[in-house]
Amino acid sequence: MTIRPIRELGDPVLRTPADPVRAFDRELAALVRDLVETVGRPGRAGLAAPQIGVGARVFSYNVDGVIGHVVNPTLTELSEETQDGDEGCLSVPGLWAPTVRAAHAVVEGFDVHGEPVRVEGSGLMARCLQHEVDHLDGKVFLDRLTGEARKTALRALRDR
């Protein structure tokens, strides 16, 4: 297992939609081990494969002591009720901004062995699931910002 370096905003891998996983093999198992090990560091809630430079549809999560991963995830349910709280990203270090997300989310996909999995949650888990699927679609949380929050965040990035 290896703790992998995090790619930061500006790296093209973060803006490229990830490819579906087709082979549930040793290479995937090694990637999942690295994702889980890397997300296990303090202060980390989720990590998508593109954030470590791998263009595969896989992410890991570490929310409230629950650690896991999902291969080829699909957001299958989002509540109409929303949450609006500060969100940050390992790939945009030091920047937090109020980001609207669904209050409850469900992701379905597969585990490292190709078995179906379903992960659901509210609050931070819902935010994490949506955030990581965005990464797999080539988006970062800044893309979700609007109005003054977006202007403030982009100004902060420019002034770095």
N, C-alpha and C. Protein backbone atom coordinates (compact mmCIF):
# COMPACT_ATOMS: atom_id res chain seq x y z
N MET A 1 0.84 -1.18 0.00
CA MET A 1 0.00 0.00 0.00
C MET A 1 0.88 1.24 0.00
N THR A 2 0.37 2.26 -0.67
CA THR A 2 1.12 3.49 -0.83
C THR A 2 0.20 4.68 -0.65
N ILE A 3 0.70 5.67 0.09
CA ILE A 3 -0.01 6.94 0.15
C ILE A 3 0.45 7.73 -1.06
N ARG A 4 -0.46 8.05 -1.93
CA ARG A 4 -0.13 8.68 -3.20
C ARG A 4 -0.24 10.20 -3.10
N PRO A 5 0.60 10.93 -3.85
CA PRO A 5 0.48 12.40 -3.88
C PRO A 5 -0.81 12.82 -4.57
N ILE A 6 -1.35 13.94 -4.11
CA ILE A 6 -2.62 14.46 -4.62
C ILE A 6 -2.35 15.43 -5.76
N ARG A 7 -3.03 15.23 -6.88
CA ARG A 7 -2.96 16.16 -8.01
C ARG A 7 -3.77 17.40 -7.67
N GLU A 8 -3.28 18.56 -8.06
CA GLU A 8 -3.96 19.81 -7.75
C GLU A 8 -4.55 20.46 -8.99
N LEU A 9 -5.52 21.35 -8.72
CA LEU A 9 -6.20 22.08 -9.78
C LEU A 9 -5.18 22.62 -10.77
N GLY A 10 -5.45 22.46 -12.05
CA GLY A 10 -4.51 22.82 -13.10
C GLY A 10 -3.99 21.58 -13.80
N ASP A 11 -4.00 20.43 -13.10
CA ASP A 11 -3.60 19.16 -13.70
C ASP A 11 -4.76 18.70 -14.59
N PRO A 12 -4.51 18.44 -15.87
CA PRO A 12 -5.60 18.08 -16.78
C PRO A 12 -6.37 16.81 -16.39
N VAL A 13 -5.77 15.91 -15.62
CA VAL A 13 -6.47 14.69 -15.22
C VAL A 13 -7.71 15.02 -14.40
N LEU A 14 -7.71 16.16 -13.70
CA LEU A 14 -8.86 16.54 -12.87
C LEU A 14 -10.03 17.05 -13.70
N ARG A 15 -9.77 17.42 -14.95
CA ARG A 15 -10.83 17.94 -15.82
C ARG A 15 -11.23 16.96 -16.90
N THR A 16 -10.71 15.74 -16.82
CA THR A 16 -10.99 14.71 -17.82
C THR A 16 -11.91 13.65 -17.22
N PRO A 17 -13.08 13.40 -17.82
CA PRO A 17 -13.94 12.33 -17.29
C PRO A 17 -13.18 11.01 -17.23
N ALA A 18 -13.33 10.31 -16.11
CA ALA A 18 -12.63 9.05 -15.90
C ALA A 18 -13.29 7.92 -16.70
N ASP A 19 -12.47 6.97 -17.10
CA ASP A 19 -12.96 5.82 -17.87
C ASP A 19 -13.55 4.76 -16.94
N PRO A 20 -14.61 4.09 -17.38
CA PRO A 20 -15.16 2.99 -16.58
C PRO A 20 -14.12 1.89 -16.40
N VAL A 21 -14.16 1.25 -15.26
CA VAL A 21 -13.30 0.10 -14.99
C VAL A 21 -13.89 -1.10 -15.72
N ARG A 22 -13.06 -1.80 -16.45
CA ARG A 22 -13.53 -2.96 -17.20
C ARG A 22 -12.97 -4.27 -16.64
N ALA A 23 -11.81 -4.20 -15.97
CA ALA A 23 -11.17 -5.41 -15.45
C ALA A 23 -11.06 -5.33 -13.93
N PHE A 24 -11.63 -6.30 -13.26
CA PHE A 24 -11.54 -6.39 -11.80
C PHE A 24 -10.37 -7.33 -11.50
N ASP A 25 -9.18 -6.76 -11.56
CA ASP A 25 -7.96 -7.55 -11.50
C ASP A 25 -7.00 -7.02 -10.43
N ARG A 26 -5.76 -7.51 -10.45
CA ARG A 26 -4.75 -7.09 -9.47
C ARG A 26 -4.44 -5.62 -9.56
N GLU A 27 -4.45 -5.08 -10.77
CA GLU A 27 -4.18 -3.65 -10.96
C GLU A 27 -5.25 -2.81 -10.26
N LEU A 28 -6.51 -3.20 -10.40
CA LEU A 28 -7.60 -2.50 -9.72
C LEU A 28 -7.46 -2.65 -8.20
N ALA A 29 -7.13 -3.85 -7.74
CA ALA A 29 -6.97 -4.09 -6.30
C ALA A 29 -5.87 -3.19 -5.73
N ALA A 30 -4.78 -3.03 -6.47
CA ALA A 30 -3.69 -2.15 -6.01
C ALA A 30 -4.15 -0.69 -5.96
N LEU A 31 -4.90 -0.27 -6.97
CA LEU A 31 -5.42 1.09 -7.00
C LEU A 31 -6.35 1.34 -5.81
N VAL A 32 -7.26 0.41 -5.54
CA VAL A 32 -8.18 0.56 -4.42
C VAL A 32 -7.42 0.60 -3.10
N ARG A 33 -6.41 -0.24 -2.93
CA ARG A 33 -5.59 -0.21 -1.71
C ARG A 33 -4.95 1.16 -1.53
N ASP A 34 -4.39 1.70 -2.62
CA ASP A 34 -3.76 3.02 -2.55
C ASP A 34 -4.78 4.12 -2.22
N LEU A 35 -5.96 4.05 -2.83
CA LEU A 35 -7.00 5.05 -2.55
C LEU A 35 -7.43 4.99 -1.08
N VAL A 36 -7.65 3.79 -0.57
CA VAL A 36 -8.08 3.64 0.82
C VAL A 36 -6.98 4.09 1.77
N GLU A 37 -5.75 3.73 1.49
CA GLU A 37 -4.62 4.15 2.34
C GLU A 37 -4.48 5.68 2.30
N THR A 38 -4.60 6.27 1.14
CA THR A 38 -4.41 7.71 0.99
C THR A 38 -5.56 8.48 1.64
N VAL A 39 -6.80 8.00 1.52
CA VAL A 39 -7.93 8.70 2.13
C VAL A 39 -7.93 8.52 3.65
N GLY A 40 -7.18 7.55 4.14
CA GLY A 40 -7.14 7.29 5.57
C GLY A 40 -6.37 8.32 6.38
N ARG A 41 -5.66 9.21 5.71
CA ARG A 41 -4.94 10.27 6.43
C ARG A 41 -5.94 11.20 7.12
N PRO A 42 -5.57 11.76 8.26
CA PRO A 42 -6.49 12.65 8.99
C PRO A 42 -6.98 13.82 8.13
N GLY A 43 -8.26 14.16 8.30
CA GLY A 43 -8.85 15.30 7.61
C GLY A 43 -9.31 15.01 6.20
N ARG A 44 -9.31 13.75 5.81
CA ARG A 44 -9.73 13.39 4.45
C ARG A 44 -11.02 12.61 4.49
N ALA A 45 -12.00 13.03 3.68
CA ALA A 45 -13.30 12.35 3.66
C ALA A 45 -13.48 11.51 2.40
N GLY A 46 -12.87 11.89 1.30
CA GLY A 46 -13.05 11.16 0.06
C GLY A 46 -11.90 11.42 -0.89
N LEU A 47 -11.70 10.49 -1.81
CA LEU A 47 -10.61 10.61 -2.77
C LEU A 47 -10.98 9.84 -4.03
N ALA A 48 -10.94 10.53 -5.17
CA ALA A 48 -11.23 9.89 -6.45
C ALA A 48 -9.93 9.56 -7.17
N ALA A 49 -9.95 8.51 -7.95
CA ALA A 49 -8.74 8.07 -8.66
C ALA A 49 -8.07 9.19 -9.46
N PRO A 50 -8.81 10.06 -10.15
CA PRO A 50 -8.12 11.14 -10.87
C PRO A 50 -7.28 12.04 -9.96
N GLN A 51 -7.64 12.13 -8.69
CA GLN A 51 -6.88 12.97 -7.77
C GLN A 51 -5.50 12.40 -7.48
N ILE A 52 -5.28 11.13 -7.82
CA ILE A 52 -3.94 10.57 -7.70
C ILE A 52 -3.38 10.23 -9.08
N GLY A 53 -3.99 10.84 -10.10
CA GLY A 53 -3.46 10.73 -11.46
C GLY A 53 -3.92 9.54 -12.26
N VAL A 54 -4.96 8.86 -11.80
CA VAL A 54 -5.46 7.67 -12.50
C VAL A 54 -6.86 7.96 -13.05
N GLY A 55 -7.03 7.84 -14.34
CA GLY A 55 -8.30 8.16 -14.98
C GLY A 55 -9.28 7.00 -14.98
N ALA A 56 -9.56 6.45 -13.80
CA ALA A 56 -10.50 5.33 -13.67
C ALA A 56 -11.65 5.72 -12.75
N ARG A 57 -12.83 5.21 -13.01
CA ARG A 57 -14.03 5.54 -12.22
C ARG A 57 -14.04 4.74 -10.91
N VAL A 58 -13.24 5.22 -9.97
CA VAL A 58 -13.13 4.59 -8.65
C VAL A 58 -12.93 5.70 -7.63
N PHE A 59 -13.57 5.58 -6.46
CA PHE A 59 -13.27 6.49 -5.38
C PHE A 59 -13.30 5.76 -4.05
N SER A 60 -12.65 6.36 -3.06
CA SER A 60 -12.67 5.84 -1.70
C SER A 60 -13.29 6.90 -0.80
N TYR A 61 -13.77 6.48 0.36
CA TYR A 61 -14.35 7.42 1.31
C TYR A 61 -13.95 7.03 2.73
N ASN A 62 -13.97 8.03 3.61
CA ASN A 62 -13.61 7.86 5.01
C ASN A 62 -14.44 8.88 5.79
N VAL A 63 -15.67 8.53 6.10
CA VAL A 63 -16.60 9.45 6.74
C VAL A 63 -17.08 8.87 8.06
N ASP A 64 -16.83 9.59 9.11
CA ASP A 64 -17.27 9.18 10.45
C ASP A 64 -16.83 7.75 10.78
N GLY A 65 -15.60 7.42 10.41
CA GLY A 65 -15.06 6.10 10.72
C GLY A 65 -15.47 5.01 9.76
N VAL A 66 -16.29 5.33 8.78
CA VAL A 66 -16.70 4.34 7.77
C VAL A 66 -15.80 4.53 6.55
N ILE A 67 -15.02 3.50 6.25
CA ILE A 67 -14.07 3.56 5.14
C ILE A 67 -14.49 2.55 4.09
N GLY A 68 -14.46 2.97 2.83
CA GLY A 68 -14.82 2.06 1.77
C GLY A 68 -14.45 2.61 0.41
N HIS A 69 -14.94 1.95 -0.62
CA HIS A 69 -14.65 2.35 -2.00
C HIS A 69 -15.82 1.95 -2.88
N VAL A 70 -15.90 2.57 -4.04
CA VAL A 70 -16.90 2.21 -5.04
C VAL A 70 -16.24 2.29 -6.42
N VAL A 71 -16.44 1.24 -7.19
CA VAL A 71 -15.94 1.16 -8.56
C VAL A 71 -17.13 1.41 -9.50
N ASN A 72 -16.92 2.20 -10.53
CA ASN A 72 -17.96 2.55 -11.50
C ASN A 72 -19.25 3.05 -10.82
N PRO A 73 -19.10 4.05 -9.94
CA PRO A 73 -20.27 4.54 -9.21
C PRO A 73 -21.23 5.33 -10.09
N THR A 74 -22.50 5.23 -9.74
CA THR A 74 -23.55 6.03 -10.34
C THR A 74 -24.39 6.61 -9.22
N LEU A 75 -24.62 7.92 -9.26
CA LEU A 75 -25.54 8.53 -8.31
C LEU A 75 -26.94 8.12 -8.72
N THR A 76 -27.61 7.34 -7.88
CA THR A 76 -28.94 6.85 -8.24
C THR A 76 -30.06 7.59 -7.54
N GLU A 77 -29.76 8.26 -6.44
CA GLU A 77 -30.78 9.04 -5.73
C GLU A 77 -30.14 10.28 -5.13
N LEU A 78 -30.84 11.39 -5.28
CA LEU A 78 -30.48 12.64 -4.62
C LEU A 78 -31.76 13.23 -4.04
N SER A 79 -31.73 13.59 -2.78
CA SER A 79 -32.92 14.17 -2.17
C SER A 79 -33.18 15.56 -2.73
N GLU A 80 -34.44 15.97 -2.69
CA GLU A 80 -34.77 17.34 -3.08
C GLU A 80 -34.31 18.32 -2.02
N GLU A 81 -34.29 17.84 -0.77
CA GLU A 81 -33.79 18.68 0.33
C GLU A 81 -32.29 18.89 0.12
N THR A 82 -31.84 20.11 0.38
CA THR A 82 -30.43 20.42 0.17
C THR A 82 -29.73 20.77 1.47
N GLN A 83 -28.42 20.78 1.40
CA GLN A 83 -27.56 21.26 2.47
C GLN A 83 -26.63 22.30 1.86
N ASP A 84 -26.30 23.30 2.63
CA ASP A 84 -25.42 24.37 2.16
C ASP A 84 -24.37 24.59 3.23
N GLY A 85 -23.21 24.03 3.00
CA GLY A 85 -22.14 24.16 3.97
C GLY A 85 -20.82 24.35 3.25
N ASP A 86 -19.81 24.69 4.02
CA ASP A 86 -18.49 24.85 3.42
C ASP A 86 -17.97 23.51 2.92
N GLU A 87 -17.41 23.55 1.73
CA GLU A 87 -16.83 22.36 1.12
C GLU A 87 -15.42 22.71 0.68
N GLY A 88 -14.54 21.74 0.81
CA GLY A 88 -13.17 21.91 0.36
C GLY A 88 -12.78 20.71 -0.48
N CYS A 89 -11.53 20.71 -0.93
CA CYS A 89 -11.07 19.63 -1.81
C CYS A 89 -9.57 19.48 -1.66
N LEU A 90 -9.12 18.24 -1.58
CA LEU A 90 -7.68 17.98 -1.49
C LEU A 90 -6.94 18.52 -2.72
N SER A 91 -7.63 18.61 -3.84
CA SER A 91 -7.00 19.10 -5.07
C SER A 91 -7.04 20.62 -5.19
N VAL A 92 -7.70 21.26 -4.25
CA VAL A 92 -7.75 22.73 -4.18
C VAL A 92 -7.42 23.10 -2.73
N PRO A 93 -6.18 22.84 -2.30
CA PRO A 93 -5.84 22.97 -0.88
C PRO A 93 -6.04 24.39 -0.34
N GLY A 94 -6.57 24.42 0.89
CA GLY A 94 -6.71 25.68 1.59
C GLY A 94 -7.91 26.52 1.20
N LEU A 95 -8.73 26.06 0.29
CA LEU A 95 -9.88 26.84 -0.14
C LEU A 95 -11.16 26.11 0.24
N TRP A 96 -12.03 26.81 0.96
CA TRP A 96 -13.33 26.29 1.36
C TRP A 96 -14.38 27.29 0.89
N ALA A 97 -15.53 26.78 0.46
CA ALA A 97 -16.58 27.68 -0.02
C ALA A 97 -17.94 27.03 0.23
N PRO A 98 -18.97 27.86 0.50
CA PRO A 98 -20.31 27.32 0.69
C PRO A 98 -20.82 26.70 -0.61
N THR A 99 -21.14 25.41 -0.53
CA THR A 99 -21.52 24.64 -1.73
C THR A 99 -22.83 23.92 -1.46
N VAL A 100 -23.80 24.13 -2.32
CA VAL A 100 -25.10 23.48 -2.17
C VAL A 100 -25.02 22.06 -2.73
N ARG A 101 -25.47 21.12 -1.93
CA ARG A 101 -25.54 19.71 -2.33
C ARG A 101 -26.85 19.13 -1.83
N ALA A 102 -27.24 18.00 -2.40
CA ALA A 102 -28.40 17.28 -1.87
C ALA A 102 -28.09 16.83 -0.44
N ALA A 103 -29.09 16.84 0.41
CA ALA A 103 -28.90 16.46 1.81
C ALA A 103 -28.71 14.95 1.97
N HIS A 104 -29.22 14.17 1.03
CA HIS A 104 -29.10 12.71 1.08
C HIS A 104 -28.76 12.21 -0.33
N ALA A 105 -27.87 11.25 -0.39
CA ALA A 105 -27.46 10.72 -1.70
C ALA A 105 -27.26 9.21 -1.62
N VAL A 106 -27.47 8.56 -2.75
CA VAL A 106 -27.23 7.12 -2.89
C VAL A 106 -26.35 6.90 -4.12
N VAL A 107 -25.31 6.10 -3.93
CA VAL A 107 -24.43 5.71 -5.03
C VAL A 107 -24.48 4.19 -5.15
N GLU A 108 -24.58 3.71 -6.37
CA GLU A 108 -24.51 2.27 -6.62
C GLU A 108 -23.36 2.00 -7.57
N GLY A 109 -22.70 0.90 -7.35
CA GLY A 109 -21.56 0.51 -8.18
C GLY A 109 -21.11 -0.88 -7.79
N PHE A 110 -19.79 -1.06 -7.73
CA PHE A 110 -19.23 -2.37 -7.46
C PHE A 110 -18.06 -2.25 -6.48
N ASP A 111 -17.76 -3.35 -5.81
CA ASP A 111 -16.56 -3.38 -4.99
C ASP A 111 -15.40 -3.87 -5.84
N VAL A 112 -14.25 -4.01 -5.23
CA VAL A 112 -13.03 -4.38 -5.96
C VAL A 112 -13.13 -5.78 -6.60
N HIS A 113 -14.07 -6.59 -6.12
CA HIS A 113 -14.24 -7.95 -6.66
C HIS A 113 -15.34 -8.03 -7.71
N GLY A 114 -15.98 -6.88 -8.00
CA GLY A 114 -17.05 -6.87 -8.99
C GLY A 114 -18.42 -7.15 -8.42
N GLU A 115 -18.52 -7.19 -7.09
CA GLU A 115 -19.81 -7.43 -6.44
C GLU A 115 -20.56 -6.10 -6.30
N PRO A 116 -21.87 -6.09 -6.51
CA PRO A 116 -22.64 -4.83 -6.40
C PRO A 116 -22.57 -4.25 -4.99
N VAL A 117 -22.47 -2.92 -4.92
CA VAL A 117 -22.50 -2.21 -3.64
C VAL A 117 -23.42 -1.01 -3.77
N ARG A 118 -23.96 -0.63 -2.64
CA ARG A 118 -24.81 0.55 -2.55
C ARG A 118 -24.35 1.31 -1.31
N VAL A 119 -24.03 2.57 -1.48
CA VAL A 119 -23.61 3.41 -0.37
C VAL A 119 -24.56 4.59 -0.32
N GLU A 120 -25.09 4.85 0.87
CA GLU A 120 -25.98 6.00 0.99
C GLU A 120 -25.67 6.73 2.28
N GLY A 121 -26.06 7.99 2.29
CA GLY A 121 -25.84 8.76 3.49
C GLY A 121 -26.39 10.15 3.38
N SER A 122 -26.42 10.79 4.54
CA SER A 122 -26.87 12.17 4.65
C SER A 122 -25.72 13.00 5.18
N GLY A 123 -25.88 14.31 5.14
CA GLY A 123 -24.85 15.19 5.68
C GLY A 123 -23.53 15.03 4.97
N LEU A 124 -22.47 14.81 5.74
CA LEU A 124 -21.12 14.72 5.18
C LEU A 124 -20.99 13.56 4.19
N MET A 125 -21.61 12.42 4.49
CA MET A 125 -21.51 11.29 3.55
C MET A 125 -22.17 11.65 2.22
N ALA A 126 -23.33 12.29 2.25
CA ALA A 126 -23.99 12.70 1.00
C ALA A 126 -23.12 13.67 0.23
N ARG A 127 -22.52 14.62 0.93
CA ARG A 127 -21.63 15.60 0.30
C ARG A 127 -20.44 14.88 -0.34
N CYS A 128 -19.85 13.95 0.39
CA CYS A 128 -18.70 13.20 -0.11
C CYS A 128 -19.04 12.41 -1.37
N LEU A 129 -20.15 11.68 -1.35
CA LEU A 129 -20.54 10.87 -2.51
C LEU A 129 -20.70 11.74 -3.76
N GLN A 130 -21.37 12.87 -3.60
CA GLN A 130 -21.59 13.77 -4.75
C GLN A 130 -20.26 14.39 -5.22
N HIS A 131 -19.42 14.79 -4.28
CA HIS A 131 -18.14 15.41 -4.58
C HIS A 131 -17.25 14.45 -5.37
N GLU A 132 -17.18 13.19 -4.93
CA GLU A 132 -16.30 12.22 -5.58
C GLU A 132 -16.81 11.83 -6.96
N VAL A 133 -18.13 11.68 -7.13
CA VAL A 133 -18.67 11.39 -8.46
C VAL A 133 -18.39 12.56 -9.40
N ASP A 134 -18.49 13.79 -8.88
CA ASP A 134 -18.12 14.95 -9.70
C ASP A 134 -16.69 14.81 -10.21
N HIS A 135 -15.76 14.43 -9.33
CA HIS A 135 -14.37 14.25 -9.77
C HIS A 135 -14.28 13.25 -10.93
N LEU A 136 -15.04 12.18 -10.84
CA LEU A 136 -14.99 11.16 -11.89
C LEU A 136 -15.59 11.66 -13.19
N ASP A 137 -16.39 12.71 -13.11
CA ASP A 137 -16.98 13.34 -14.29
C ASP A 137 -16.15 14.52 -14.79
N GLY A 138 -14.97 14.74 -14.20
CA GLY A 138 -14.10 15.84 -14.63
C GLY A 138 -14.46 17.19 -14.05
N LYS A 139 -15.16 17.19 -12.91
CA LYS A 139 -15.59 18.44 -12.28
C LYS A 139 -14.96 18.57 -10.90
N VAL A 140 -14.81 19.81 -10.45
CA VAL A 140 -14.39 20.09 -9.08
C VAL A 140 -15.49 20.92 -8.42
N PHE A 141 -15.46 20.98 -7.09
CA PHE A 141 -16.55 21.64 -6.37
C PHE A 141 -16.71 23.10 -6.77
N LEU A 142 -15.65 23.73 -7.24
CA LEU A 142 -15.73 25.12 -7.67
C LEU A 142 -16.74 25.29 -8.81
N ASP A 143 -16.93 24.25 -9.61
CA ASP A 143 -17.89 24.30 -10.71
C ASP A 143 -19.33 24.40 -10.21
N ARG A 144 -19.57 24.03 -8.97
CA ARG A 144 -20.90 24.06 -8.38
C ARG A 144 -21.25 25.42 -7.76
N LEU A 145 -20.24 26.27 -7.60
CA LEU A 145 -20.45 27.55 -6.94
C LEU A 145 -21.15 28.54 -7.87
N THR A 146 -21.94 29.42 -7.27
CA THR A 146 -22.62 30.46 -8.02
C THR A 146 -22.50 31.78 -7.28
N GLY A 147 -22.84 32.83 -7.97
CA GLY A 147 -22.94 34.15 -7.36
C GLY A 147 -21.68 34.60 -6.65
N GLU A 148 -21.89 35.20 -5.49
CA GLU A 148 -20.79 35.78 -4.72
C GLU A 148 -19.80 34.71 -4.23
N ALA A 149 -20.31 33.53 -3.91
CA ALA A 149 -19.41 32.45 -3.46
C ALA A 149 -18.42 32.09 -4.56
N ARG A 150 -18.89 32.04 -5.80
CA ARG A 150 -18.01 31.73 -6.92
C ARG A 150 -16.99 32.84 -7.14
N LYS A 151 -17.45 34.08 -7.11
CA LYS A 151 -16.53 35.22 -7.30
C LYS A 151 -15.45 35.23 -6.23
N THR A 152 -15.85 35.01 -4.98
CA THR A 152 -14.90 35.02 -3.87
C THR A 152 -13.87 33.89 -4.01
N ALA A 153 -14.35 32.69 -4.35
CA ALA A 153 -13.44 31.54 -4.49
C ALA A 153 -12.47 31.74 -5.64
N LEU A 154 -12.96 32.21 -6.78
CA LEU A 154 -12.08 32.41 -7.94
C LEU A 154 -11.07 33.53 -7.67
N ARG A 155 -11.50 34.55 -6.95
CA ARG A 155 -10.57 35.63 -6.55
C ARG A 155 -9.48 35.07 -5.66
N ALA A 156 -9.85 34.23 -4.69
CA ALA A 156 -8.87 33.63 -3.78
C ALA A 156 -7.87 32.78 -4.56
N LEU A 157 -8.35 32.03 -5.54
CA LEU A 157 -7.43 31.23 -6.38
C LEU A 157 -6.47 32.11 -7.17
N ARG A 158 -7.00 33.17 -7.73
CA ARG A 158 -6.19 34.08 -8.53
C ARG A 158 -5.11 34.76 -7.68
N ASP A 159 -5.44 35.07 -6.43
CA ASP A 159 -4.53 35.81 -5.56
C ASP A 159 -3.50 34.94 -4.89
N ARG A 160 -3.49 33.66 -5.14
CA ARG A 160 -2.51 32.75 -4.51
C ARG A 160 -1.12 33.02 -5.00
